[in-house]
């Protein structure tokens, strides 16, 4: 099968793109799929994450550093589509950077992590506008918002979530909360699922995210949801 391509993109740094990319890719890989992460960020966080994995338990997805490809990264990604079931692209921040634009040209799904705060929501407008422009060329692209670092039961979170629901991109039901398990998994080069009972909430979130992403990929593209 030709790989389905998931671009994890947001113009704002610090929203958890690399952690989400690796957790999603690793979870899909652990389920038996052939998965590659394209580390498109010059910081190389995804590459370092995989390199931290213990020798006896390699990270369950391949990682390829392609940040240098810049505006040609879509061409590099196409070289791998026959070798994998899923390709997850960890995009760098900055909506005006050429790399996210190039990656979105070939993406089946744009996954936009967003921290539920006013500043992050305002910053994500540029990412939505980029996806809208790309949809004029890549007519089959889908887009989903993923709430990350959620802190429930606060007045601010409730207010911002109301705005998120009206943002113009469908929101995944899965919420990733602010958990130590995610940082610990990155440091050890593993998944939250590998950290034992104390990390069960994070492990369940990782599995739920993979389930929803697969469901979104199986749905017919709904460009009206992107153009909002």
Protein backbone atom coordinates (compact mmCIF):
# COMPACT_ATOMS: atom_id res chain seq x y z
CA UNK A 1 0.00 0.00 0.00
CA UNK A 2 1.10 3.58 -0.59
CA UNK A 3 1.92 5.36 2.65
CA UNK A 4 -0.55 7.79 4.13
CA UNK A 5 1.19 10.99 5.14
CA UNK A 6 0.47 12.88 8.36
CA UNK A 7 2.03 16.33 8.75
CA UNK A 8 2.18 17.54 12.35
CA UNK A 9 2.30 21.29 11.94
CA UNK A 10 1.81 24.53 13.81
CA UNK A 11 3.60 27.83 13.38
CA UNK A 12 4.09 28.16 17.14
CA UNK A 13 6.89 26.38 18.92
CA UNK A 14 6.37 24.64 22.23
CA UNK A 15 3.06 22.99 21.34
CA UNK A 16 4.47 19.46 21.43
CA UNK A 17 4.82 18.62 17.73
CA UNK A 18 7.84 16.34 18.13
CA UNK A 19 6.45 14.46 21.12
CA UNK A 20 3.14 13.95 19.34
CA UNK A 21 4.83 12.88 16.10
CA UNK A 22 6.92 10.26 17.85
CA UNK A 23 4.14 9.01 20.10
CA UNK A 24 1.75 8.64 17.16
CA UNK A 25 4.34 6.99 14.93
CA UNK A 26 5.54 4.68 17.68
CA UNK A 27 2.01 3.63 18.59
CA UNK A 28 1.20 2.82 14.96
CA UNK A 29 4.49 0.97 14.64
CA UNK A 30 3.81 -1.04 17.76
CA UNK A 31 0.53 -2.14 16.14
CA UNK A 32 2.47 -3.74 13.30
CA UNK A 33 2.41 -0.96 10.73
CA UNK A 34 5.50 0.13 8.81
CA UNK A 35 6.05 3.71 9.95
CA UNK A 36 8.64 6.40 9.28
CA UNK A 37 9.01 9.77 10.97
CA UNK A 38 10.40 12.53 8.79
CA UNK A 39 12.29 14.85 11.12
CA UNK A 40 11.84 18.10 9.19
CA UNK A 41 12.92 20.35 12.05
CA UNK A 42 16.56 21.45 12.12
CA UNK A 43 16.54 21.04 15.92
CA UNK A 44 16.36 17.28 15.34
CA UNK A 45 14.22 16.50 18.38
CA UNK A 46 12.57 13.46 16.80
CA UNK A 47 15.96 12.09 15.80
CA UNK A 48 17.29 12.54 19.34
CA UNK A 49 14.15 10.90 20.75
CA UNK A 50 14.71 7.74 18.69
CA UNK A 51 18.44 7.73 19.45
CA UNK A 52 17.64 7.60 23.17
CA UNK A 53 15.90 4.22 22.80
CA UNK A 54 17.65 1.29 24.49
CA UNK A 55 19.54 -1.08 22.20
CA UNK A 56 17.39 -4.02 23.25
CA UNK A 57 14.21 -2.12 22.39
CA UNK A 58 14.68 0.09 19.31
CA UNK A 59 12.05 2.74 18.70
CA UNK A 60 9.19 1.11 16.74
CA UNK A 61 9.36 3.55 13.80
CA UNK A 62 12.17 4.60 11.51
CA UNK A 63 13.32 8.22 11.71
CA UNK A 64 14.85 10.12 8.81
CA UNK A 65 16.28 13.63 9.17
CA UNK A 66 15.25 15.60 6.09
CA UNK A 67 15.28 19.18 7.37
CA UNK A 68 17.91 20.14 4.80
CA UNK A 69 15.48 19.35 1.97
CA UNK A 70 13.57 22.57 2.69
CA UNK A 71 11.04 23.38 0.00
CA UNK A 72 11.82 20.09 -1.76
CA UNK A 73 10.84 17.92 1.19
CA UNK A 74 7.64 16.79 -0.54
CA UNK A 75 9.80 15.24 -3.26
CA UNK A 76 11.94 13.45 -0.68
CA UNK A 77 8.86 12.13 1.12
CA UNK A 78 7.49 10.68 -2.12
CA UNK A 79 10.59 8.50 -2.42
CA UNK A 80 9.46 6.52 0.64
CA UNK A 81 5.73 6.10 0.04
CA UNK A 82 6.03 2.55 -1.30
CA UNK A 83 8.14 1.41 1.66
CA UNK A 84 5.86 2.42 4.54
CA UNK A 85 2.23 2.34 5.59
CA UNK A 86 2.41 5.72 7.35
CA UNK A 87 4.81 8.64 7.18
CA UNK A 88 4.61 11.18 10.00
CA UNK A 89 6.25 14.53 9.29
CA UNK A 90 7.45 16.52 12.30
CA UNK A 91 7.33 20.04 10.84
CA UNK A 92 9.35 23.00 12.15
CA UNK A 93 7.57 26.07 13.56
CA UNK A 94 7.01 29.28 11.54
CA UNK A 95 4.14 29.32 9.09
CA UNK A 96 6.21 31.25 6.54
CA UNK A 97 8.92 28.57 6.51
CA UNK A 98 9.10 26.63 3.26
CA UNK A 99 9.32 23.20 4.87
CA UNK A 100 5.77 22.98 6.36
CA UNK A 101 4.34 24.30 3.11
CA UNK A 102 6.20 21.65 1.14
CA UNK A 103 5.19 18.84 3.51
CA UNK A 104 1.53 19.82 3.38
CA UNK A 105 1.55 19.54 -0.41
CA UNK A 106 1.69 15.75 -0.08
CA UNK A 107 -0.05 15.27 3.28
CA UNK A 108 -3.25 13.29 3.63
CA UNK A 109 -3.79 14.75 7.09
CA UNK A 110 -2.60 17.96 8.72
CA UNK A 111 -2.55 17.41 12.48
CA UNK A 112 -2.37 20.74 14.29
CA UNK A 113 -1.46 20.52 18.00
CA UNK A 114 -2.71 23.45 20.02
CA UNK A 115 -2.20 24.37 23.65
CA UNK A 116 -5.48 25.73 25.07
CA UNK A 117 -4.39 29.30 25.68
CA UNK A 118 -5.42 32.53 23.93
CA UNK A 119 -1.91 33.21 22.59
CA UNK A 120 -1.60 29.74 21.11
CA UNK A 121 -5.04 29.95 19.55
CA UNK A 122 -4.22 33.31 17.95
CA UNK A 123 -0.93 31.95 16.63
CA UNK A 124 -2.66 28.92 15.10
CA UNK A 125 -4.68 31.16 12.78
CA UNK A 126 -1.67 31.37 10.47
CA UNK A 127 -1.48 27.59 10.30
CA UNK A 128 -5.17 27.37 9.42
CA UNK A 129 -4.70 29.93 6.68
CA UNK A 130 -1.73 27.98 5.31
CA UNK A 131 -3.78 24.78 5.18
CA UNK A 132 -6.56 26.67 3.41
CA UNK A 133 -4.09 27.84 0.75
CA UNK A 134 -2.54 24.38 0.38
CA UNK A 135 -6.01 22.84 -0.03
CA UNK A 136 -6.27 24.71 -3.31
CA UNK A 137 -3.47 22.49 -4.62
CA UNK A 138 -3.73 19.40 -2.42
CA UNK A 139 -7.47 18.93 -2.68
CA UNK A 140 -7.58 15.72 -0.64
CA UNK A 141 -5.89 17.08 2.49
CA UNK A 142 -7.81 16.76 5.75
CA UNK A 143 -7.08 18.79 8.88
CA UNK A 144 -7.66 18.14 12.57
CA UNK A 145 -6.89 20.13 15.70
CA UNK A 146 -5.38 18.24 18.63
CA UNK A 147 -5.60 19.82 22.07
CA UNK A 148 -2.30 19.23 23.87
CA UNK A 149 -1.14 20.00 27.42
CA UNK A 150 -4.77 20.31 28.47
CA UNK A 151 -5.50 21.35 32.04
CA UNK A 152 -9.15 20.57 32.71
CA UNK A 153 -11.42 22.09 35.28
CA UNK A 154 -10.04 25.60 34.96
CA UNK A 155 -12.09 28.63 33.93
CA UNK A 156 -9.52 29.66 31.30
CA UNK A 157 -9.41 26.19 29.73
CA UNK A 158 -13.20 26.13 29.46
CA UNK A 159 -13.28 29.54 27.81
CA UNK A 160 -10.54 28.71 25.33
CA UNK A 161 -12.06 25.33 24.46
CA UNK A 162 -15.20 27.14 23.42
CA UNK A 163 -13.10 29.15 20.95
CA UNK A 164 -11.25 26.04 19.76
CA UNK A 165 -14.53 24.39 18.79
CA UNK A 166 -15.31 27.39 16.56
CA UNK A 167 -11.82 27.60 15.04
CA UNK A 168 -12.73 26.27 11.61
CA UNK A 169 -10.87 22.95 11.77
CA UNK A 170 -12.50 19.83 13.28
CA UNK A 171 -11.21 19.05 16.76
CA UNK A 172 -10.23 15.54 17.80
CA UNK A 173 -12.09 14.21 20.83
CA UNK A 174 -8.82 12.96 22.27
CA UNK A 175 -7.14 15.42 24.62
CA UNK A 176 -3.50 15.08 25.61
CA UNK A 177 -2.99 16.38 29.13
CA UNK A 178 0.11 17.82 30.72
CA UNK A 179 1.76 14.66 32.07
CA UNK A 180 5.23 13.79 33.30
CA UNK A 181 4.98 10.47 31.44
CA UNK A 182 5.34 12.19 28.07
CA UNK A 183 8.60 13.88 29.08
CA UNK A 184 9.86 10.68 30.67
CA UNK A 185 9.09 8.66 27.54
CA UNK A 186 11.03 11.13 25.40
CA UNK A 187 14.04 11.04 27.71
CA UNK A 188 14.13 7.23 27.58
CA UNK A 189 13.31 6.88 23.87
CA UNK A 190 10.20 4.81 24.55
CA UNK A 191 6.41 5.21 24.48
CA UNK A 192 4.18 6.02 27.45
CA UNK A 193 2.82 2.50 26.99
CA UNK A 194 6.22 1.19 28.12
CA UNK A 195 6.33 3.03 31.44
CA UNK A 196 4.11 0.85 33.56
CA UNK A 197 0.89 1.40 35.54
CA UNK A 198 1.72 4.94 36.66
CA UNK A 199 1.77 6.07 33.02
CA UNK A 200 -1.54 4.39 32.12
CA UNK A 201 -3.45 7.67 31.55
CA UNK A 202 -0.81 8.82 29.05
CA UNK A 203 -0.75 5.39 27.42
CA UNK A 204 -4.53 5.46 26.96
CA UNK A 205 -4.30 8.93 25.42
CA UNK A 206 -1.63 7.73 22.98
CA UNK A 207 -3.78 4.81 21.87
CA UNK A 208 -6.86 7.01 21.56
CA UNK A 209 -4.94 9.48 19.41
CA UNK A 210 -3.82 6.72 17.05
CA UNK A 211 -7.40 5.45 16.80
CA UNK A 212 -8.75 8.89 15.91
CA UNK A 213 -6.01 9.59 13.37
CA UNK A 214 -6.76 6.31 11.61
CA UNK A 215 -10.44 7.18 11.59
CA UNK A 216 -9.74 10.63 10.12
CA UNK A 217 -7.58 9.10 7.39
CA UNK A 218 -10.35 6.65 6.52
CA UNK A 219 -12.94 9.40 6.09
CA UNK A 220 -13.55 11.10 2.77
CA UNK A 221 -11.81 14.48 2.61
CA UNK A 222 -14.07 17.29 3.76
CA UNK A 223 -12.55 20.46 2.41
CA UNK A 224 -15.40 22.60 3.65
CA UNK A 225 -14.19 21.83 7.17
CA UNK A 226 -10.77 23.18 6.26
CA UNK A 227 -12.05 26.23 4.46
CA UNK A 228 -14.45 26.82 7.38
